């Protein structure tokens, strides 16, 4: 044998020997203590297991009912289909993950992320513009003296739609 291997195994044996003796001594000391603890606690264990026997029986029955479909022979008939669909699902998930990471890499390297497209507007929004215009009109109306409004009873509300529009007739042209 190689001299280095012999030296290595000798060192391992010299290191292991005291550890083995220590574990045997601990086991020798602890073993009677453990036997005494088990002897003292065994009546408690027997009474406790007797009290829990209905619940244990109920749990075993429920487990048997839940696993009943797995014990039926028809499951063997669809085993091939189950393996096929499971494999197809795994391949689909892996392909989707690979495509997702490729897309994320390309979109971040080409700076075409959806977050990079959104640019905040620096101008006023429509609501801000309308509220400012309304405030301006209110200030103008508040500074003017109140006037009396005279309603012309002759003017009627105009209808909107086709009836209020004028029909323009076209003349024949030479073109």
Protein backbone atom coordinates (compact mmCIF):
# COMPACT_ATOMS: atom_id res chain seq x y z
CA UNK A 1 0.00 0.00 0.00
CA UNK A 2 1.00 3.57 -0.47
CA UNK A 3 2.88 5.01 2.50
CA UNK A 4 0.76 8.20 2.56
CA UNK A 5 -2.44 6.15 2.74
CA UNK A 6 -1.06 4.04 5.59
CA UNK A 7 -0.06 7.19 7.49
CA UNK A 8 -3.51 8.72 6.93
CA UNK A 9 -5.35 5.63 8.18
CA UNK A 10 -3.07 5.47 11.23
CA UNK A 11 -3.88 9.08 12.11
CA UNK A 12 -7.61 8.46 11.64
CA UNK A 13 -7.44 5.39 13.92
CA UNK A 14 -5.55 7.34 16.59
CA UNK A 15 -8.12 10.15 16.50
CA UNK A 16 -11.12 7.79 16.42
CA UNK A 17 -10.02 5.51 19.29
CA UNK A 18 -10.53 8.08 22.12
CA UNK A 19 -13.83 9.23 20.61
CA UNK A 20 -15.09 5.64 20.53
CA UNK A 21 -14.07 5.06 24.14
CA UNK A 22 -15.78 8.30 25.20
CA UNK A 23 -19.06 7.37 23.50
CA UNK A 24 -18.99 3.88 25.05
CA UNK A 25 -18.43 5.38 28.52
CA UNK A 26 -21.29 7.85 28.09
CA UNK A 27 -23.57 5.07 26.88
CA UNK A 28 -22.55 2.89 29.83
CA UNK A 29 -23.35 5.69 32.29
CA UNK A 30 -26.56 6.93 30.63
CA UNK A 31 -28.04 3.50 29.86
CA UNK A 32 -29.18 2.67 33.42
CA UNK A 33 -30.61 6.18 33.80
CA UNK A 34 -32.61 5.80 30.59
CA UNK A 35 -33.85 2.37 31.67
CA UNK A 36 -35.03 3.86 34.97
CA UNK A 37 -36.82 6.74 33.21
CA UNK A 38 -38.53 4.33 30.81
CA UNK A 39 -39.56 2.07 33.72
CA UNK A 40 -41.03 5.03 35.61
CA UNK A 41 -42.84 6.53 32.60
CA UNK A 42 -44.18 3.25 31.15
CA UNK A 43 -47.43 3.27 33.21
CA UNK A 44 -48.11 6.85 32.06
CA UNK A 45 -47.47 5.79 28.45
CA UNK A 46 -49.82 2.81 28.75
CA UNK A 47 -52.66 4.89 30.27
CA UNK A 48 -52.13 7.71 27.74
CA UNK A 49 -52.17 5.36 24.77
CA UNK A 50 -55.33 3.68 26.13
CA UNK A 51 -57.05 7.07 26.47
CA UNK A 52 -56.05 8.13 22.95
CA UNK A 53 -57.02 4.79 21.35
CA UNK A 54 -60.38 6.03 19.90
CA UNK A 55 -58.69 9.03 18.29
CA UNK A 56 -55.89 6.89 16.89
CA UNK A 57 -58.44 4.45 15.46
CA UNK A 58 -60.41 7.35 13.91
CA UNK A 59 -57.23 8.81 12.36
CA UNK A 60 -56.31 5.41 10.88
CA UNK A 61 -59.82 5.05 9.42
CA UNK A 62 -59.73 8.53 7.87
CA UNK A 63 -56.29 7.84 6.43
CA UNK A 64 -57.57 4.60 4.90
CA UNK A 65 -60.59 6.38 3.37
CA UNK A 66 -58.46 9.21 1.97
CA UNK A 67 -55.91 6.83 0.44
CA UNK A 68 -58.56 4.46 -0.97
CA UNK A 69 -58.34 5.87 -4.53
CA UNK A 70 -54.63 5.15 -4.52
CA UNK A 71 -55.22 1.49 -3.67
CA UNK A 72 -57.60 0.77 -6.56
CA UNK A 73 -56.43 -1.22 -9.61
CA UNK A 74 -57.73 1.32 -12.17
CA UNK A 75 -54.93 3.64 -11.10
CA UNK A 76 -52.48 1.26 -12.79
CA UNK A 77 -54.36 1.72 -16.07
CA UNK A 78 -53.89 5.49 -16.13
CA UNK A 79 -50.28 5.38 -14.94
CA UNK A 80 -48.96 5.97 -18.46
CA UNK A 81 -51.23 8.96 -18.96
CA UNK A 82 -50.24 10.36 -15.56
CA UNK A 83 -46.54 10.05 -16.41
CA UNK A 84 -47.08 11.62 -19.84
CA UNK A 85 -49.03 14.60 -18.48
CA UNK A 86 -46.62 15.07 -15.59
CA UNK A 87 -43.63 15.09 -17.92
CA UNK A 88 -45.38 17.49 -20.30
CA UNK A 89 -46.18 19.80 -17.39
CA UNK A 90 -42.59 19.80 -16.18
CA UNK A 91 -41.25 20.48 -19.66
CA UNK A 92 -43.78 23.30 -20.11
CA UNK A 93 -42.85 24.90 -16.79
CA UNK A 94 -39.13 24.70 -17.55
CA UNK A 95 -39.62 26.11 -21.05
CA UNK A 96 -41.72 28.96 -19.68
CA UNK A 97 -39.09 29.75 -17.04
CA UNK A 98 -36.29 29.75 -19.63
CA UNK A 99 -38.29 32.02 -21.98
CA UNK A 100 -39.14 34.35 -19.09
CA UNK A 101 -35.49 34.76 -18.10
CA UNK A 102 -34.38 35.23 -21.73
CA UNK A 103 -37.06 37.90 -22.25
CA UNK A 104 -36.14 39.68 -19.02
CA UNK A 105 -32.44 39.63 -19.98
CA UNK A 106 -33.08 40.95 -23.50
CA UNK A 107 -35.57 43.61 -22.41
CA UNK A 108 -33.26 44.90 -19.70
CA UNK A 109 -30.20 44.87 -21.96
CA UNK A 110 -32.07 46.67 -24.79
CA UNK A 111 -33.82 49.04 -22.35
CA UNK A 112 -37.31 48.18 -23.56
CA UNK A 113 -38.77 47.52 -20.12
CA UNK A 114 -42.29 48.72 -19.46
CA UNK A 115 -40.96 50.81 -16.57
CA UNK A 116 -38.52 52.64 -18.82
CA UNK A 117 -41.31 53.70 -21.22
CA UNK A 118 -43.45 55.45 -18.62
CA UNK A 119 -42.39 59.09 -18.40
CA UNK A 120 -44.19 61.41 -16.04
CA UNK A 121 -45.82 64.47 -17.61
CA UNK A 122 -44.43 67.82 -16.59
CA UNK A 123 -47.39 69.95 -17.71
CA UNK A 124 -50.75 70.45 -16.10
CA UNK A 125 -53.39 67.82 -16.29
CA UNK A 126 -56.81 68.50 -17.73
CA UNK A 127 -58.43 68.55 -14.30
CA UNK A 128 -55.89 71.10 -13.02
CA UNK A 129 -56.43 73.31 -16.08
CA UNK A 130 -60.23 73.23 -15.72
CA UNK A 131 -60.13 73.96 -12.00
CA UNK A 132 -57.77 76.92 -12.58
CA UNK A 133 -60.06 78.29 -15.32
CA UNK A 134 -63.11 77.86 -13.08
CA UNK A 135 -61.39 79.74 -10.22
CA UNK A 136 -60.43 82.53 -12.62
CA UNK A 137 -64.02 82.86 -13.89
CA UNK A 138 -65.31 82.88 -10.30
CA UNK A 139 -62.93 85.73 -9.43
CA UNK A 140 -64.05 87.72 -12.48
CA UNK A 141 -67.72 87.18 -11.69
CA UNK A 142 -67.19 88.12 -8.04
CA UNK A 143 -65.57 91.44 -8.98
CA UNK A 144 -68.42 92.43 -11.37
CA UNK A 145 -71.56 94.12 -10.00
CA UNK A 146 -74.67 91.95 -10.10
CA UNK A 147 -76.93 92.60 -13.09
CA UNK A 148 -80.54 91.73 -13.68
CA UNK A 149 -81.18 88.97 -16.06
CA UNK A 150 -83.99 89.52 -18.55
CA UNK A 151 -85.31 86.40 -20.19
CA UNK A 152 -86.61 86.63 -23.70
CA UNK A 153 -89.77 84.62 -23.72
CA UNK A 154 -89.86 84.59 -27.47
CA UNK A 155 -86.69 82.58 -27.71
CA UNK A 156 -87.28 78.94 -27.13
CA UNK A 157 -84.92 76.20 -26.39
CA UNK A 158 -83.54 74.85 -29.62
CA UNK A 159 -83.79 71.21 -30.28
CA UNK A 160 -80.67 69.26 -30.88
CA UNK A 161 -80.56 66.62 -33.53
CA UNK A 162 -81.64 66.29 -37.11
CA UNK A 163 -84.85 68.33 -36.76
CA UNK A 164 -82.99 71.53 -35.86
CA UNK A 165 -80.60 71.34 -38.79
CA UNK A 166 -81.17 73.01 -42.11
CA UNK A 167 -81.45 70.77 -45.13
CA UNK A 168 -79.23 72.07 -47.89
CA UNK A 169 -80.21 70.96 -51.34
CA UNK A 170 -77.56 70.64 -53.93
CA UNK A 171 -78.04 71.88 -57.41
CA UNK A 172 -77.04 69.87 -60.41
CA UNK A 173 -73.70 70.89 -61.73
CA UNK A 174 -72.11 70.38 -65.08
CA UNK A 175 -69.17 68.45 -63.73
